[in-house]
Amino acid sequence: MDTKIRKQIYLDPQQNEYLKRTSKESGLTEAEIIRQALNTQVQRLRVPARRLSAWERERQFLQKLLDLGPVPGMRTWKREDLYER
């Protein structure tokens, strides 16, 4: 068995009732339900961090392209020119 650290938490009466009912229906201990809920929450919060790192890599890629400056021989028009047509 893994080493566990004891924590004391306070629940609203409604949360307590839900926890007891879920424990009875699932056959899991109340502590296990709380641990699973915590794991789910931690997992959910980690996803945006991964997305943020992907955006950071994209930003670095775009910055490298901007640092190259204008490419010779490419378009000679500006965006504003399109609106004058």
PDB file of N, CA and C in Angstrom:
ATOM      1  N   MET A   1       0.843  -1.182   0.000  1.00  0.00           N
ATOM      2  CA  MET A   1       0.000   0.000   0.000  1.00  0.00           C
ATOM      3  C   MET A   1       0.885   1.242   0.000  1.00  0.00           C
ATOM      4  N   ASP A   2       0.524   2.215  -0.826  1.00  0.00           N
ATOM      5  CA  ASP A   2       1.270   3.469  -0.876  1.00  0.00           C
ATOM      6  C   ASP A   2       1.134   4.216   0.441  1.00  0.00           C
ATOM      7  N   THR A   3       2.144   4.985   0.749  1.00  0.00           N
ATOM      8  CA  THR A   3       2.075   5.833   1.934  1.00  0.00           C
ATOM      9  C   THR A   3       1.080   6.950   1.686  1.00  0.00           C
ATOM     10  N   LYS A   4       0.186   7.161   2.593  1.00  0.00           N
ATOM     11  CA  LYS A   4      -0.827   8.215   2.482  1.00  0.00           C
ATOM     12  C   LYS A   4      -0.567   9.269   3.543  1.00  0.00           C
ATOM     13  N   ILE A   5      -0.939  10.481   3.235  1.00  0.00           N
ATOM     14  CA  ILE A   5      -0.817  11.591   4.169  1.00  0.00           C
ATOM     15  C   ILE A   5      -2.222  12.008   4.572  1.00  0.00           C
ATOM     16  N   ARG A   6      -2.444  12.089   5.854  1.00  0.00           N
ATOM     17  CA  ARG A   6      -3.766  12.422   6.371  1.00  0.00           C
ATOM     18  C   ARG A   6      -4.060  13.905   6.170  1.00  0.00           C
ATOM     19  N   LYS A   7      -5.255  14.192   5.667  1.00  0.00           N
ATOM     20  CA  LYS A   7      -5.736  15.560   5.493  1.00  0.00           C
ATOM     21  C   LYS A   7      -7.132  15.663   6.074  1.00  0.00           C
ATOM     22  N   GLN A   8      -7.432  16.797   6.626  1.00  0.00           N
ATOM     23  CA  GLN A   8      -8.775  17.042   7.140  1.00  0.00           C
ATOM     24  C   GLN A   8      -9.405  18.111   6.261  1.00  0.00           C
ATOM     25  N   ILE A   9     -10.617  17.857   5.776  1.00  0.00           N
ATOM     26  CA  ILE A   9     -11.299  18.827   4.921  1.00  0.00           C
ATOM     27  C   ILE A   9     -12.692  19.092   5.475  1.00  0.00           C
ATOM     28  N   TYR A  10     -13.259  20.192   5.058  1.00  0.00           N
ATOM     29  CA  TYR A  10     -14.626  20.544   5.439  1.00  0.00           C
ATOM     30  C   TYR A  10     -15.494  20.498   4.188  1.00  0.00           C
ATOM     31  N   LEU A  11     -16.638  19.851   4.310  1.00  0.00           N
ATOM     32  CA  LEU A  11     -17.579  19.742   3.206  1.00  0.00           C
ATOM     33  C   LEU A  11     -18.885  20.421   3.570  1.00  0.00           C
ATOM     34  N   ASP A  12     -19.568  20.895   2.557  1.00  0.00           N
ATOM     35  CA  ASP A  12     -20.935  21.368   2.753  1.00  0.00           C
ATOM     36  C   ASP A  12     -21.811  20.148   3.014  1.00  0.00           C
ATOM     37  N   PRO A  13     -22.933  20.309   3.689  1.00  0.00           N
ATOM     38  CA  PRO A  13     -23.826  19.164   3.923  1.00  0.00           C
ATOM     39  C   PRO A  13     -24.219  18.445   2.625  1.00  0.00           C
ATOM     40  N   GLN A  14     -24.454  19.210   1.577  1.00  0.00           N
ATOM     41  CA  GLN A  14     -24.831  18.609   0.296  1.00  0.00           C
ATOM     42  C   GLN A  14     -23.669  17.783  -0.279  1.00  0.00           C
ATOM     43  N   GLN A  15     -22.449  18.302  -0.171  1.00  0.00           N
ATOM     44  CA  GLN A  15     -21.282  17.554  -0.645  1.00  0.00           C
ATOM     45  C   GLN A  15     -21.100  16.279   0.165  1.00  0.00           C
ATOM     46  N   ASN A  16     -21.322  16.360   1.460  1.00  0.00           N
ATOM     47  CA  ASN A  16     -21.186  15.194   2.333  1.00  0.00           C
ATOM     48  C   ASN A  16     -22.191  14.118   1.949  1.00  0.00           C
ATOM     49  N   GLU A  17     -23.417  14.526   1.709  1.00  0.00           N
ATOM     50  CA  GLU A  17     -24.462  13.576   1.314  1.00  0.00           C
ATOM     51  C   GLU A  17     -24.108  12.921  -0.024  1.00  0.00           C
ATOM     52  N   TYR A  18     -23.646  13.733  -0.956  1.00  0.00           N
ATOM     53  CA  TYR A  18     -23.255  13.211  -2.266  1.00  0.00           C
ATOM     54  C   TYR A  18     -22.114  12.211  -2.119  1.00  0.00           C
ATOM     55  N   LEU A  19     -21.131  12.547  -1.296  1.00  0.00           N
ATOM     56  CA  LEU A  19     -19.980  11.670  -1.085  1.00  0.00           C
ATOM     57  C   LEU A  19     -20.407  10.339  -0.479  1.00  0.00           C
ATOM     58  N   LYS A  20     -21.256  10.380   0.532  1.00  0.00           N
ATOM     59  CA  LYS A  20     -21.729   9.154   1.178  1.00  0.00           C
ATOM     60  C   LYS A  20     -22.521   8.290   0.198  1.00  0.00           C
ATOM     61  N   ARG A  21     -23.415   8.916  -0.560  1.00  0.00           N
ATOM     62  CA  ARG A  21     -24.243   8.178  -1.517  1.00  0.00           C
ATOM     63  C   ARG A  21     -23.375   7.548  -2.606  1.00  0.00           C
ATOM     64  N   THR A  22     -22.416   8.336  -3.125  1.00  0.00           N
ATOM     65  CA  THR A  22     -21.528   7.828  -4.173  1.00  0.00           C
ATOM     66  C   THR A  22     -20.681   6.669  -3.651  1.00  0.00           C
ATOM     67  N   SER A  23     -20.217   6.775  -2.430  1.00  0.00           N
ATOM     68  CA  SER A  23     -19.421   5.718  -1.817  1.00  0.00           C
ATOM     69  C   SER A  23     -20.228   4.426  -1.703  1.00  0.00           C
ATOM     70  N   LYS A  24     -21.449   4.568  -1.245  1.00  0.00           N
ATOM     71  CA  LYS A  24     -22.313   3.392  -1.065  1.00  0.00           C
ATOM     72  C   LYS A  24     -22.622   2.735  -2.406  1.00  0.00           C
ATOM     73  N   GLU A  25     -22.935   3.565  -3.407  1.00  0.00           N
ATOM     74  CA  GLU A  25     -23.310   3.032  -4.719  1.00  0.00           C
ATOM     75  C   GLU A  25     -22.119   2.416  -5.459  1.00  0.00           C
ATOM     76  N   SER A  26     -20.942   3.003  -5.290  1.00  0.00           N
ATOM     77  CA  SER A  26     -19.773   2.544  -6.055  1.00  0.00           C
ATOM     78  C   SER A  26     -18.963   1.473  -5.329  1.00  0.00           C
ATOM     79  N   GLY A  27     -19.134   1.404  -4.008  1.00  0.00           N
ATOM     80  CA  GLY A  27     -18.334   0.463  -3.236  1.00  0.00           C
ATOM     81  C   GLY A  27     -16.929   0.979  -2.939  1.00  0.00           C
ATOM     82  N   LEU A  28     -16.670   2.210  -3.299  1.00  0.00           N
ATOM     83  CA  LEU A  28     -15.375   2.830  -3.008  1.00  0.00           C
ATOM     84  C   LEU A  28     -15.451   3.562  -1.677  1.00  0.00           C
ATOM     85  N   THR A  29     -14.307   3.709  -1.036  1.00  0.00           N
ATOM     86  CA  THR A  29     -14.307   4.491   0.210  1.00  0.00           C
ATOM     87  C   THR A  29     -14.478   5.967  -0.138  1.00  0.00           C
ATOM     88  N   GLU A  30     -14.923   6.729   0.848  1.00  0.00           N
ATOM     89  CA  GLU A  30     -15.061   8.174   0.647  1.00  0.00           C
ATOM     90  C   GLU A  30     -13.703   8.781   0.313  1.00  0.00           C
ATOM     91  N   ALA A  31     -12.665   8.313   0.973  1.00  0.00           N
ATOM     92  CA  ALA A  31     -11.320   8.828   0.718  1.00  0.00           C
ATOM     93  C   ALA A  31     -10.895   8.560  -0.726  1.00  0.00           C
ATOM     94  N   GLU A  32     -11.203   7.376  -1.248  1.00  0.00           N
ATOM     95  CA  GLU A  32     -10.828   7.046  -2.620  1.00  0.00           C
ATOM     96  C   GLU A  32     -11.569   7.932  -3.607  1.00  0.00           C
ATOM     97  N   ILE A  33     -12.815   8.224  -3.346  1.00  0.00           N
ATOM     98  CA  ILE A  33     -13.595   9.109  -4.221  1.00  0.00           C
ATOM     99  C   ILE A  33     -12.977  10.505  -4.228  1.00  0.00           C
ATOM    100  N   ILE A  34     -12.582  10.978  -3.068  1.00  0.00           N
ATOM    101  CA  ILE A  34     -11.949  12.289  -2.982  1.00  0.00           C
ATOM    102  C   ILE A  34     -10.615  12.280  -3.732  1.00  0.00           C
ATOM    103  N   ARG A  35      -9.820  11.213  -3.575  1.00  0.00           N
ATOM    104  CA  ARG A  35      -8.543  11.130  -4.295  1.00  0.00           C
ATOM    105  C   ARG A  35      -8.757  11.123  -5.800  1.00  0.00           C
ATOM    106  N   GLN A  36      -9.747  10.364  -6.255  1.00  0.00           N
ATOM    107  CA  GLN A  36     -10.027  10.317  -7.695  1.00  0.00           C
ATOM    108  C   GLN A  36     -10.484  11.682  -8.212  1.00  0.00           C
ATOM    109  N   ALA A  37     -11.314  12.356  -7.429  1.00  0.00           N
ATOM    110  CA  ALA A  37     -11.782  13.688  -7.836  1.00  0.00           C
ATOM    111  C   ALA A  37     -10.612  14.666  -7.918  1.00  0.00           C
ATOM    112  N   LEU A  38      -9.696  14.571  -6.966  1.00  0.00           N
ATOM    113  CA  LEU A  38      -8.520  15.437  -6.977  1.00  0.00           C
ATOM    114  C   LEU A  38      -7.647  15.140  -8.188  1.00  0.00           C
ATOM    115  N   ASN A  39      -7.441  13.867  -8.490  1.00  0.00           N
ATOM    116  CA  ASN A  39      -6.659  13.500  -9.678  1.00  0.00           C
ATOM    117  C   ASN A  39      -7.293  14.036 -10.953  1.00  0.00           C
ATOM    118  N   THR A  40      -8.610  13.950 -11.048  1.00  0.00           N
ATOM    119  CA  THR A  40      -9.324  14.464 -12.218  1.00  0.00           C
ATOM    120  C   THR A  40      -9.126  15.966 -12.347  1.00  0.00           C
ATOM    121  N   GLN A  41      -9.229  16.675 -11.247  1.00  0.00           N
ATOM    122  CA  GLN A  41      -9.063  18.129 -11.258  1.00  0.00           C
ATOM    123  C   GLN A  41      -7.636  18.513 -11.652  1.00  0.00           C
ATOM    124  N   VAL A  42      -6.663  17.841 -11.104  1.00  0.00           N
ATOM    125  CA  VAL A  42      -5.262  18.136 -11.429  1.00  0.00           C
ATOM    126  C   VAL A  42      -5.020  17.898 -12.914  1.00  0.00           C
ATOM    127  N   GLN A  43      -5.538  16.796 -13.431  1.00  0.00           N
ATOM    128  CA  GLN A  43      -5.384  16.483 -14.855  1.00  0.00           C
ATOM    129  C   GLN A  43      -6.004  17.575 -15.716  1.00  0.00           C
ATOM    130  N   ARG A  44      -7.176  18.043 -15.339  1.00  0.00           N
ATOM    131  CA  ARG A  44      -7.868  19.092 -16.102  1.00  0.00           C
ATOM    132  C   ARG A  44      -7.067  20.383 -16.107  1.00  0.00           C
ATOM    133  N   LEU A  45      -6.437  20.706 -14.996  1.00  0.00           N
ATOM    134  CA  LEU A  45      -5.680  21.951 -14.909  1.00  0.00           C
ATOM    135  C   LEU A  45      -4.358  21.879 -15.663  1.00  0.00           C
ATOM    136  N   ARG A  46      -3.830  20.697 -15.871  1.00  0.00           N
ATOM    137  CA  ARG A  46      -2.565  20.551 -16.597  1.00  0.00           C
ATOM    138  C   ARG A  46      -2.732  20.725 -18.089  1.00  0.00           C
ATOM    139  N   VAL A  47      -3.895  20.458 -18.635  1.00  0.00           N
ATOM    140  CA  VAL A  47      -4.115  20.531 -20.076  1.00  0.00           C
ATOM    141  C   VAL A  47      -3.850  21.931 -20.617  1.00  0.00           C
ATOM    142  N   PRO A  48      -4.379  23.005 -20.009  1.00  0.00           N
ATOM    143  CA  PRO A  48      -4.066  24.330 -20.554  1.00  0.00           C
ATOM    144  C   PRO A  48      -2.569  24.639 -20.560  1.00  0.00           C
ATOM    145  N   ALA A  49      -1.819  24.133 -19.591  1.00  0.00           N
ATOM    146  CA  ALA A  49      -0.378  24.372 -19.575  1.00  0.00           C
ATOM    147  C   ALA A  49       0.269  23.753 -20.809  1.00  0.00           C
ATOM    148  N   ARG A  50      -0.181  22.574 -21.212  1.00  0.00           N
ATOM    149  CA  ARG A  50       0.351  21.947 -22.419  1.00  0.00           C
ATOM    150  C   ARG A  50      -0.025  22.760 -23.649  1.00  0.00           C
ATOM    151  N   ARG A  51      -1.254  23.256 -23.687  1.00  0.00           N
ATOM    152  CA  ARG A  51      -1.673  24.081 -24.815  1.00  0.00           C
ATOM    153  C   ARG A  51      -0.857  25.362 -24.867  1.00  0.00           C
ATOM    154  N   LEU A  52      -0.588  25.928 -23.708  1.00  0.00           N
ATOM    155  CA  LEU A  52       0.195  27.157 -23.654  1.00  0.00           C
ATOM    156  C   LEU A  52       1.598  26.923 -24.194  1.00  0.00           C
ATOM    157  N   SER A  53       2.203  25.794 -23.883  1.00  0.00           N
ATOM    158  CA  SER A  53       3.543  25.518 -24.396  1.00  0.00           C
ATOM    159  C   SER A  53       3.521  25.357 -25.918  1.00  0.00           C
ATOM    160  N   ALA A  54       2.455  24.808 -26.459  1.00  0.00           N
ATOM    161  CA  ALA A  54       2.337  24.688 -27.915  1.00  0.00           C
ATOM    162  C   ALA A  54       2.244  26.071 -28.549  1.00  0.00           C
ATOM    163  N   TRP A  55       1.479  26.952 -27.940  1.00  0.00           N
ATOM    164  CA  TRP A  55       1.380  28.319 -28.464  1.00  0.00           C
ATOM    165  C   TRP A  55       2.716  29.037 -28.347  1.00  0.00           C
ATOM    166  N   GLU A  56       3.465  28.775 -27.295  1.00  0.00           N
ATOM    167  CA  GLU A  56       4.776  29.400 -27.134  1.00  0.00           C
ATOM    168  C   GLU A  56       5.728  28.936 -28.241  1.00  0.00           C
ATOM    169  N   ARG A  57       5.701  27.649 -28.570  1.00  0.00           N
ATOM    170  CA  ARG A  57       6.531  27.153 -29.679  1.00  0.00           C
ATOM    171  C   ARG A  57       6.117  27.806 -31.000  1.00  0.00           C
ATOM    172  N   GLU A  58       4.823  27.962 -31.197  1.00  0.00           N
ATOM    173  CA  GLU A  58       4.328  28.614 -32.410  1.00  0.00           C
ATOM    174  C   GLU A  58       4.778  30.070 -32.474  1.00  0.00           C
ATOM    175  N   ARG A  59       4.719  30.765 -31.340  1.00  0.00           N
ATOM    176  CA  ARG A  59       5.141  32.159 -31.291  1.00  0.00           C
ATOM    177  C   ARG A  59       6.627  32.276 -31.641  1.00  0.00           C
ATOM    178  N   GLN A  60       7.433  31.377 -31.116  1.00  0.00           N
ATOM    179  CA  GLN A  60       8.868  31.397 -31.426  1.00  0.00           C
ATOM    180  C   GLN A  60       9.117  31.153 -32.913  1.00  0.00           C
ATOM    181  N   PHE A  61       8.360  30.228 -33.508  1.00  0.00           N
ATOM    182  CA  PHE A  61       8.488  29.951 -34.936  1.00  0.00           C
ATOM    183  C   PHE A  61       8.137  31.188 -35.757  1.00  0.00           C
ATOM    184  N   LEU A  62       7.035  31.832 -35.425  1.00  0.00           N
ATOM    185  CA  LEU A  62       6.626  33.028 -36.161  1.00  0.00           C
ATOM    186  C   LEU A  62       7.625  34.161 -35.974  1.00  0.00           C
ATOM    187  N   GLN A  63       8.181  34.278 -34.784  1.00  0.00           N
ATOM    188  CA  GLN A  63       9.173  35.322 -34.543  1.00  0.00           C
ATOM    189  C   GLN A  63      10.408  35.106 -35.415  1.00  0.00           C
ATOM    190  N   LYS A  64      10.815  33.849 -35.601  1.00  0.00           N
ATOM    191  CA  LYS A  64      11.958  33.563 -36.476  1.00  0.00           C
ATOM    192  C   LYS A  64      11.665  34.010 -37.905  1.00  0.00           C
ATOM    193  N   LEU A  65      10.429  33.770 -38.364  1.00  0.00           N
ATOM    194  CA  LEU A  65      10.062  34.208 -39.711  1.00  0.00           C
ATOM    195  C   LEU A  65      10.081  35.729 -39.814  1.00  0.00           C
ATOM    196  N   LEU A  66       9.572  36.408 -38.795  1.00  0.00           N
ATOM    197  CA  LEU A  66       9.580  37.871 -38.799  1.00  0.00           C
ATOM    198  C   LEU A  66      11.007  38.419 -38.783  1.00  0.00           C
ATOM    199  N   ASP A  67      11.881  37.748 -38.054  1.00  0.00           N
ATOM    200  CA  ASP A  67      13.272  38.191 -37.965  1.00  0.00           C
ATOM    201  C   ASP A  67      13.991  38.103 -39.318  1.00  0.00           C
ATOM    202  N   LEU A  68      13.507  37.252 -40.210  1.00  0.00           N
ATOM    203  CA  LEU A  68      14.120  37.141 -41.536  1.00  0.00           C
ATOM    204  C   LEU A  68      13.891  38.392 -42.369  1.00  0.00           C
ATOM    205  N   GLY A  69      12.857  39.136 -42.037  1.00  0.00           N
ATOM    206  CA  GLY A  69      12.544  40.345 -42.790  1.00  0.00           C
ATOM    207  C   GLY A  69      11.820  40.009 -44.081  1.00  0.00           C
ATOM    208  N   PRO A  70      11.607  41.037 -44.921  1.00  0.00           N
ATOM    209  CA  PRO A  70      10.900  40.810 -46.191  1.00  0.00           C
ATOM    210  C   PRO A  70      11.696  39.875 -47.096  1.00  0.00           C
ATOM    211  N   VAL A  71      10.963  39.055 -47.831  1.00  0.00           N
ATOM    212  CA  VAL A  71      11.589  38.125 -48.768  1.00  0.00           C
ATOM    213  C   VAL A  71      11.624  38.793 -50.139  1.00  0.00           C
ATOM    214  N   PRO A  72      12.805  38.944 -50.731  1.00  0.00           N
ATOM    215  CA  PRO A  72      12.893  39.603 -52.036  1.00  0.00           C
ATOM    216  C   PRO A  72      12.119  38.829 -53.104  1.00  0.00           C
ATOM    217  N   GLY A  73      11.536  39.586 -54.036  1.00  0.00           N
ATOM    218  CA  GLY A  73      10.838  38.977 -55.152  1.00  0.00           C
ATOM    219  C   GLY A  73       9.433  38.512 -54.827  1.00  0.00           C
ATOM    220  N   MET A  74       8.963  38.764 -53.650  1.00  0.00           N
ATOM    221  CA  MET A  74       7.610  38.342 -53.294  1.00  0.00           C
ATOM    222  C   MET A  74       6.626  39.449 -53.651  1.00  0.00           C
ATOM    223  N   ARG A  75       5.510  39.477 -53.037  1.00  0.00           N
ATOM    224  CA  ARG A  75       4.449  40.405 -53.403  1.00  0.00           C
ATOM    225  C   ARG A  75       4.926  41.857 -53.332  1.00  0.00           C
ATOM    226  N   THR A  76       4.352  42.650 -54.202  1.00  0.00           N
ATOM    227  CA  THR A  76       4.708  44.069 -54.240  1.00  0.00           C
ATOM    228  C   THR A  76       3.550  44.939 -53.801  1.00  0.00           C
ATOM    229  N   TRP A  77       2.467  44.320 -53.388  1.00  0.00           N
ATOM    230  CA  TRP A  77       1.296  45.074 -52.967  1.00  0.00           C
ATOM    231  C   TRP A  77       1.168  45.063 -51.462  1.00  0.00           C
ATOM    232  N   LYS A  78       0.353  45.982 -50.989  1.00  0.00           N
ATOM    233  CA  LYS A  78       0.061  46.055 -49.557  1.00  0.00           C
ATOM    234  C   LYS A  78      -1.399  45.686 -49.349  1.00  0.00           C
ATOM    235  N   ARG A  79      -1.714  45.324 -48.172  1.00  0.00           N
ATOM    236  CA  ARG A  79      -3.088  44.925 -47.862  1.00  0.00           C
ATOM    237  C   ARG A  79      -4.079  46.038 -48.205  1.00  0.00           C
ATOM    238  N   GLU A  80      -3.680  47.253 -47.922  1.00  0.00           N
ATOM    239  CA  GLU A  80      -4.571  48.389 -48.190  1.00  0.00           C
ATOM    240  C   GLU A  80      -4.910  48.499 -49.679  1.00  0.00           C
ATOM    241  N   ASP A  81      -3.976  48.071 -50.563  1.00  0.00           N
ATOM    242  CA  ASP A  81      -4.212  48.129 -51.999  1.00  0.00           C
ATOM    243  C   ASP A  81      -5.413  47.285 -52.391  1.00  0.00           C
ATOM    244  N   LEU A  82      -5.702  46.236 -51.672  1.00  0.00           N
ATOM    245  CA  LEU A  82      -6.826  45.370 -52.013  1.00  0.00           C
ATOM    246  C   LEU A  82      -8.161  46.093 -51.848  1.00  0.00           C
ATOM    247  N   TYR A  83      -8.217  47.043 -50.930  1.00  0.00           N
ATOM    248  CA  TYR A  83      -9.464  47.744 -50.658  1.00  0.00           C
ATOM    249  C   TYR A  83      -9.731  48.845 -51.676  1.00  0.00           C
ATOM    250  N   GLU A  84      -8.718  49.218 -52.460  1.00  0.00           N
ATOM    251  CA  GLU A  84      -8.874  50.277 -53.459  1.00  0.00           C
ATOM    252  C   GLU A  84      -9.437  49.760 -54.769  1.00  0.00           C
ATOM    253  N   ARG A  85      -9.518  48.438 -54.926  1.00  0.00           N
ATOM    254  CA  ARG A  85     -10.012  47.856 -56.184  1.00  0.00           C
ATOM    255  C   ARG A  85     -11.485  48.020 -56.332  1.00  0.00           C
TER     256      ARG A  85
END
